[in-house]
Amino acid sequence: MKPLQYTCPKCRHHQYTIGEMRATGGRFSKLFNIQTEKFSSVTCKQCKYTEFYKAPSSALGNFFDFFTN
């Protein structure tokens, strides 16, 4: 994976961490606690400012989430 040339919009720091978060997308997925939405996060190491970006979610990942709830 190519490193990002990230600059924090709040403190102008250049070091960061990358994470991932999953969330439910609608009524059906909330009812059965299925995380159908996937987001990537970039967090500044200095001030902890975090930005979320929607990432493509795979059908296999959704299937796995359904059965491992």
PDB file of N, CA and C in Angstrom:
ATOM      1  N   MET A   1       0.846  -1.185   0.000  1.00  0.00           N
ATOM      2  CA  MET A   1       0.000   0.000   0.000  1.00  0.00           C
ATOM      3  C   MET A   1       0.890   1.246   0.000  1.00  0.00           C
ATOM      4  N   LYS A   2       0.608   2.156  -0.887  1.00  0.00           N
ATOM      5  CA  LYS A   2       1.375   3.386  -1.007  1.00  0.00           C
ATOM      6  C   LYS A   2       1.049   4.319   0.164  1.00  0.00           C
ATOM      7  N   PRO A   3       2.070   4.861   0.847  1.00  0.00           N
ATOM      8  CA  PRO A   3       1.803   5.778   1.962  1.00  0.00           C
ATOM      9  C   PRO A   3       1.116   7.058   1.492  1.00  0.00           C
ATOM     10  N   LEU A   4       0.240   7.565   2.321  1.00  0.00           N
ATOM     11  CA  LEU A   4      -0.447   8.817   2.025  1.00  0.00           C
ATOM     12  C   LEU A   4       0.455  10.002   2.319  1.00  0.00           C
ATOM     13  N   GLN A   5       0.303  11.060   1.580  1.00  0.00           N
ATOM     14  CA  GLN A   5       0.957  12.319   1.914  1.00  0.00           C
ATOM     15  C   GLN A   5      -0.098  13.148   2.639  1.00  0.00           C
ATOM     16  N   TYR A   6      -0.282  12.831   3.915  1.00  0.00           N
ATOM     17  CA  TYR A   6      -1.358  13.417   4.705  1.00  0.00           C
ATOM     18  C   TYR A   6      -0.849  14.603   5.516  1.00  0.00           C
ATOM     19  N   THR A   7      -1.645  15.654   5.544  1.00  0.00           N
ATOM     20  CA  THR A   7      -1.411  16.795   6.419  1.00  0.00           C
ATOM     21  C   THR A   7      -2.705  17.056   7.170  1.00  0.00           C
ATOM     22  N   CYS A   8      -2.654  17.035   8.479  1.00  0.00           N
ATOM     23  CA  CYS A   8      -3.838  17.255   9.301  1.00  0.00           C
ATOM     24  C   CYS A   8      -4.387  18.663   9.047  1.00  0.00           C
ATOM     25  N   PRO A   9      -5.684  18.791   8.757  1.00  0.00           N
ATOM     26  CA  PRO A   9      -6.259  20.108   8.493  1.00  0.00           C
ATOM     27  C   PRO A   9      -6.336  21.002   9.736  1.00  0.00           C
ATOM     28  N   LYS A  10      -6.209  20.410  10.939  1.00  0.00           N
ATOM     29  CA  LYS A  10      -6.300  21.207  12.161  1.00  0.00           C
ATOM     30  C   LYS A  10      -4.939  21.673  12.668  1.00  0.00           C
ATOM     31  N   CYS A  11      -3.944  20.739  12.731  1.00  0.00           N
ATOM     32  CA  CYS A  11      -2.662  21.094  13.351  1.00  0.00           C
ATOM     33  C   CYS A  11      -1.481  21.034  12.382  1.00  0.00           C
ATOM     34  N   ARG A  12      -1.711  20.632  11.133  1.00  0.00           N
ATOM     35  CA  ARG A  12      -0.700  20.565  10.073  1.00  0.00           C
ATOM     36  C   ARG A  12       0.366  19.493  10.303  1.00  0.00           C
ATOM     37  N   HIS A  13       0.102  18.540  11.203  1.00  0.00           N
ATOM     38  CA  HIS A  13       1.033  17.439  11.483  1.00  0.00           C
ATOM     39  C   HIS A  13       0.975  16.431  10.338  1.00  0.00           C
ATOM     40  N   HIS A  14       2.054  15.673  10.113  1.00  0.00           N
ATOM     41  CA  HIS A  14       2.127  14.757   8.972  1.00  0.00           C
ATOM     42  C   HIS A  14       2.079  13.279   9.354  1.00  0.00           C
ATOM     43  N   GLN A  15       2.067  12.932  10.639  1.00  0.00           N
ATOM     44  CA  GLN A  15       2.011  11.531  11.032  1.00  0.00           C
ATOM     45  C   GLN A  15       0.573  11.148  11.353  1.00  0.00           C
ATOM     46  N   TYR A  16       0.200   9.933  10.970  1.00  0.00           N
ATOM     47  CA  TYR A  16      -1.190   9.502  11.086  1.00  0.00           C
ATOM     48  C   TYR A  16      -1.261   7.991  11.285  1.00  0.00           C
ATOM     49  N   THR A  17      -2.429   7.516  11.671  1.00  0.00           N
ATOM     50  CA  THR A  17      -2.737   6.085  11.692  1.00  0.00           C
ATOM     51  C   THR A  17      -3.977   5.863  10.845  1.00  0.00           C
ATOM     52  N   ILE A  18      -4.071   4.676  10.271  1.00  0.00           N
ATOM     53  CA  ILE A  18      -5.226   4.310   9.441  1.00  0.00           C
ATOM     54  C   ILE A  18      -5.994   3.209  10.152  1.00  0.00           C
ATOM     55  N   GLY A  19      -7.321   3.317  10.169  1.00  0.00           N
ATOM     56  CA  GLY A  19      -8.172   2.319  10.804  1.00  0.00           C
ATOM     57  C   GLY A  19      -9.354   1.976   9.924  1.00  0.00           C
ATOM     58  N   GLU A  20     -10.213   1.111  10.446  1.00  0.00           N
ATOM     59  CA  GLU A  20     -11.404   0.678   9.719  1.00  0.00           C
ATOM     60  C   GLU A  20     -12.567   0.587  10.690  1.00  0.00           C
ATOM     61  N   MET A  21     -13.754   0.909  10.205  1.00  0.00           N
ATOM     62  CA  MET A  21     -14.964   0.834  11.016  1.00  0.00           C
ATOM     63  C   MET A  21     -16.094   0.295  10.154  1.00  0.00           C
ATOM     64  N   ARG A  22     -16.956  -0.494  10.736  1.00  0.00           N
ATOM     65  CA  ARG A  22     -18.147  -0.985  10.042  1.00  0.00           C
ATOM     66  C   ARG A  22     -19.374  -0.495  10.790  1.00  0.00           C
ATOM     67  N   ALA A  23     -20.457  -0.246  10.044  1.00  0.00           N
ATOM     68  CA  ALA A  23     -21.698   0.257  10.635  1.00  0.00           C
ATOM     69  C   ALA A  23     -22.889  -0.347   9.912  1.00  0.00           C
ATOM     70  N   THR A  24     -24.041  -0.325  10.584  1.00  0.00           N
ATOM     71  CA  THR A  24     -25.264  -0.806   9.951  1.00  0.00           C
ATOM     72  C   THR A  24     -25.744   0.229   8.950  1.00  0.00           C
ATOM     73  N   GLY A  25     -26.500  -0.225   7.946  1.00  0.00           N
ATOM     74  CA  GLY A  25     -26.905   0.679   6.881  1.00  0.00           C
ATOM     75  C   GLY A  25     -28.374   1.007   6.821  1.00  0.00           C
ATOM     76  N   GLY A  26     -29.243   0.202   7.377  1.00  0.00           N
ATOM     77  CA  GLY A  26     -30.674   0.456   7.279  1.00  0.00           C
ATOM     78  C   GLY A  26     -31.439  -0.305   8.342  1.00  0.00           C
ATOM     79  N   ARG A  27     -32.758  -0.305   8.225  1.00  0.00           N
ATOM     80  CA  ARG A  27     -33.598  -0.949   9.245  1.00  0.00           C
ATOM     81  C   ARG A  27     -33.347  -2.442   9.365  1.00  0.00           C
ATOM     82  N   PHE A  28     -33.289  -3.140   8.232  1.00  0.00           N
ATOM     83  CA  PHE A  28     -33.074  -4.589   8.262  1.00  0.00           C
ATOM     84  C   PHE A  28     -31.725  -4.914   8.884  1.00  0.00           C
ATOM     85  N   SER A  29     -30.695  -4.199   8.476  1.00  0.00           N
ATOM     86  CA  SER A  29     -29.362  -4.480   9.003  1.00  0.00           C
ATOM     87  C   SER A  29     -29.264  -4.094  10.479  1.00  0.00           C
ATOM     88  N   LYS A  30     -29.978  -3.051  10.908  1.00  0.00           N
ATOM     89  CA  LYS A  30     -29.989  -2.698  12.334  1.00  0.00           C
ATOM     90  C   LYS A  30     -30.701  -3.768  13.153  1.00  0.00           C
ATOM     91  N   LEU A  31     -31.806  -4.289  12.624  1.00  0.00           N
ATOM     92  CA  LEU A  31     -32.581  -5.302  13.322  1.00  0.00           C
ATOM     93  C   LEU A  31     -31.754  -6.556  13.582  1.00  0.00           C
ATOM     94  N   PHE A  32     -30.980  -6.981  12.592  1.00  0.00           N
ATOM     95  CA  PHE A  32     -30.174  -8.195  12.720  1.00  0.00           C
ATOM     96  C   PHE A  32     -28.707  -7.914  13.023  1.00  0.00           C
ATOM     97  N   ASN A  33     -28.368  -6.655  13.289  1.00  0.00           N
ATOM     98  CA  ASN A  33     -27.008  -6.238  13.628  1.00  0.00           C
ATOM     99  C   ASN A  33     -26.000  -6.677  12.565  1.00  0.00           C
ATOM    100  N   ILE A  34     -26.310  -6.360  11.311  1.00  0.00           N
ATOM    101  CA  ILE A  34     -25.419  -6.678  10.193  1.00  0.00           C
ATOM    102  C   ILE A  34     -24.758  -5.374   9.749  1.00  0.00           C
ATOM    103  N   GLN A  35     -23.433  -5.343   9.787  1.00  0.00           N
ATOM    104  CA  GLN A  35     -22.700  -4.146   9.399  1.00  0.00           C
ATOM    105  C   GLN A  35     -22.467  -4.174   7.889  1.00  0.00           C
ATOM    106  N   THR A  36     -23.266  -3.410   7.157  1.00  0.00           N
ATOM    107  CA  THR A  36     -23.179  -3.412   5.702  1.00  0.00           C
ATOM    108  C   THR A  36     -22.358  -2.246   5.154  1.00  0.00           C
ATOM    109  N   GLU A  37     -22.074  -1.262   5.975  1.00  0.00           N
ATOM    110  CA  GLU A  37     -21.309  -0.094   5.547  1.00  0.00           C
ATOM    111  C   GLU A  37     -19.890  -0.195   6.104  1.00  0.00           C
ATOM    112  N   LYS A  38     -18.911   0.130   5.273  1.00  0.00           N
ATOM    113  CA  LYS A  38     -17.513   0.055   5.679  1.00  0.00           C
ATOM    114  C   LYS A  38     -16.866   1.424   5.482  1.00  0.00           C
ATOM    115  N   PHE A  39     -16.094   1.873   6.472  1.00  0.00           N
ATOM    116  CA  PHE A  39     -15.420   3.160   6.414  1.00  0.00           C
ATOM    117  C   PHE A  39     -13.954   3.001   6.794  1.00  0.00           C
ATOM    118  N   SER A  40     -13.093   3.745   6.124  1.00  0.00           N
ATOM    119  CA  SER A  40     -11.687   3.835   6.493  1.00  0.00           C
ATOM    120  C   SER A  40     -11.501   5.148   7.229  1.00  0.00           C
ATOM    121  N   SER A  41     -10.608   5.144   8.223  1.00  0.00           N
ATOM    122  CA  SER A  41     -10.357   6.370   8.974  1.00  0.00           C
ATOM    123  C   SER A  41      -8.881   6.731   8.900  1.00  0.00           C
ATOM    124  N   VAL A  42      -8.619   8.021   8.943  1.00  0.00           N
ATOM    125  CA  VAL A  42      -7.266   8.554   9.036  1.00  0.00           C
ATOM    126  C   VAL A  42      -7.258   9.443  10.280  1.00  0.00           C
ATOM    127  N   THR A  43      -6.378   9.122  11.252  1.00  0.00           N
ATOM    128  CA  THR A  43      -6.320   9.852  12.510  1.00  0.00           C
ATOM    129  C   THR A  43      -4.950  10.479  12.692  1.00  0.00           C
ATOM    130  N   CYS A  44      -4.933  11.760  12.959  1.00  0.00           N
ATOM    131  CA  CYS A  44      -3.692  12.478  13.225  1.00  0.00           C
ATOM    132  C   CYS A  44      -3.100  11.971  14.533  1.00  0.00           C
ATOM    133  N   LYS A  45      -1.802  11.672  14.541  1.00  0.00           N
ATOM    134  CA  LYS A  45      -1.147  11.177  15.754  1.00  0.00           C
ATOM    135  C   LYS A  45      -0.954  12.267  16.804  1.00  0.00           C
ATOM    136  N   GLN A  46      -0.957  13.524  16.393  1.00  0.00           N
ATOM    137  CA  GLN A  46      -0.714  14.607  17.350  1.00  0.00           C
ATOM    138  C   GLN A  46      -1.993  15.074  18.033  1.00  0.00           C
ATOM    139  N   CYS A  47      -2.999  15.495  17.258  1.00  0.00           N
ATOM    140  CA  CYS A  47      -4.213  16.075  17.857  1.00  0.00           C
ATOM    141  C   CYS A  47      -5.409  15.122  17.868  1.00  0.00           C
ATOM    142  N   LYS A  48      -5.270  13.944  17.236  1.00  0.00           N
ATOM    143  CA  LYS A  48      -6.310  12.903  17.193  1.00  0.00           C
ATOM    144  C   LYS A  48      -7.512  13.270  16.327  1.00  0.00           C
ATOM    145  N   TYR A  49      -7.391  14.290  15.491  1.00  0.00           N
ATOM    146  CA  TYR A  49      -8.451  14.623  14.535  1.00  0.00           C
ATOM    147  C   TYR A  49      -8.630  13.429  13.594  1.00  0.00           C
ATOM    148  N   THR A  50      -9.869  13.003  13.347  1.00  0.00           N
ATOM    149  CA  THR A  50     -10.145  11.820  12.540  1.00  0.00           C
ATOM    150  C   THR A  50     -11.079  12.157  11.395  1.00  0.00           C
ATOM    151  N   GLU A  51     -10.739  11.658  10.218  1.00  0.00           N
ATOM    152  CA  GLU A  51     -11.596  11.786   9.038  1.00  0.00           C
ATOM    153  C   GLU A  51     -12.011  10.384   8.615  1.00  0.00           C
ATOM    154  N   PHE A  52     -13.291  10.232   8.206  1.00  0.00           N
ATOM    155  CA  PHE A  52     -13.803   8.946   7.740  1.00  0.00           C
ATOM    156  C   PHE A  52     -14.097   9.024   6.253  1.00  0.00           C
ATOM    157  N   TYR A  53     -13.780   7.946   5.556  1.00  0.00           N
ATOM    158  CA  TYR A  53     -14.030   7.834   4.122  1.00  0.00           C
ATOM    159  C   TYR A  53     -14.756   6.524   3.862  1.00  0.00           C
ATOM    160  N   LYS A  54     -15.824   6.594   3.077  1.00  0.00           N
ATOM    161  CA  LYS A  54     -16.580   5.385   2.757  1.00  0.00           C
ATOM    162  C   LYS A  54     -15.730   4.492   1.862  1.00  0.00           C
ATOM    163  N   ALA A  55     -15.671   3.210   2.229  1.00  0.00           N
ATOM    164  CA  ALA A  55     -14.872   2.234   1.488  1.00  0.00           C
ATOM    165  C   ALA A  55     -15.808   1.195   0.885  1.00  0.00           C
ATOM    166  N   PRO A  56     -15.405   0.570  -0.204  1.00  0.00           N
ATOM    167  CA  PRO A  56     -16.240  -0.481  -0.789  1.00  0.00           C
ATOM    168  C   PRO A  56     -16.394  -1.644   0.184  1.00  0.00           C
ATOM    169  N   SER A  57     -17.599  -2.162   0.296  1.00  0.00           N
ATOM    170  CA  SER A  57     -17.895  -3.280   1.184  1.00  0.00           C
ATOM    171  C   SER A  57     -18.120  -4.524   0.347  1.00  0.00           C
ATOM    172  N   SER A  58     -17.482  -5.611   0.711  1.00  0.00           N
ATOM    173  CA  SER A  58     -17.599  -6.839  -0.081  1.00  0.00           C
ATOM    174  C   SER A  58     -18.763  -7.699   0.396  1.00  0.00           C
ATOM    175  N   ALA A  59     -19.341  -8.458  -0.510  1.00  0.00           N
ATOM    176  CA  ALA A  59     -20.437  -9.371  -0.169  1.00  0.00           C
ATOM    177  C   ALA A  59     -19.927 -10.455   0.782  1.00  0.00           C
ATOM    178  N   LEU A  60     -18.701 -10.921   0.580  1.00  0.00           N
ATOM    179  CA  LEU A  60     -18.131 -11.948   1.454  1.00  0.00           C
ATOM    180  C   LEU A  60     -17.974 -11.415   2.876  1.00  0.00           C
ATOM    181  N   GLY A  61     -17.542 -10.167   3.008  1.00  0.00           N
ATOM    182  CA  GLY A  61     -17.417  -9.559   4.330  1.00  0.00           C
ATOM    183  C   GLY A  61     -18.764  -9.437   5.019  1.00  0.00           C
ATOM    184  N   ASN A  62     -19.805  -9.046   4.276  1.00  0.00           N
ATOM    185  CA  ASN A  62     -21.153  -8.949   4.842  1.00  0.00           C
ATOM    186  C   ASN A  62     -21.671 -10.317   5.259  1.00  0.00           C
ATOM    187  N   PHE A  63     -21.406 -11.336   4.457  1.00  0.00           N
ATOM    188  CA  PHE A  63     -21.821 -12.699   4.769  1.00  0.00           C
ATOM    189  C   PHE A  63     -21.144 -13.177   6.054  1.00  0.00           C
ATOM    190  N   PHE A  64     -19.837 -12.917   6.158  1.00  0.00           N
ATOM    191  CA  PHE A  64     -19.083 -13.309   7.346  1.00  0.00           C
ATOM    192  C   PHE A  64     -19.614 -12.591   8.581  1.00  0.00           C
ATOM    193  N   ASP A  65     -19.905 -11.291   8.470  1.00  0.00           N
ATOM    194  CA  ASP A  65     -20.451 -10.504   9.591  1.00  0.00           C
ATOM    195  C   ASP A  65     -21.795 -11.057  10.047  1.00  0.00           C
ATOM    196  N   PHE A  66     -22.625 -11.497   9.114  1.00  0.00           N
ATOM    197  CA  PHE A  66     -23.950 -12.010   9.458  1.00  0.00           C
ATOM    198  C   PHE A  66     -23.843 -13.256  10.347  1.00  0.00           C
ATOM    199  N   PHE A  67     -22.926 -14.163  10.027  1.00  0.00           N
ATOM    200  CA  PHE A  67     -22.824 -15.413  10.762  1.00  0.00           C
ATOM    201  C   PHE A  67     -21.905 -15.350  11.975  1.00  0.00           C
ATOM    202  N   THR A  68     -21.102 -14.330  12.099  1.00  0.00           N
ATOM    203  CA  THR A  68     -20.229 -14.217  13.277  1.00  0.00           C
ATOM    204  C   THR A  68     -20.710 -13.165  14.259  1.00  0.00           C
ATOM    205  N   ASN A  69     -21.755 -12.477  13.949  1.00  0.00           N
ATOM    206  CA  ASN A  69     -22.385 -11.461  14.756  1.00  0.00           C
ATOM    207  C   ASN A  69     -21.770 -11.424  16.112  1.00  0.00           C
TER     208      ASN A  69
END
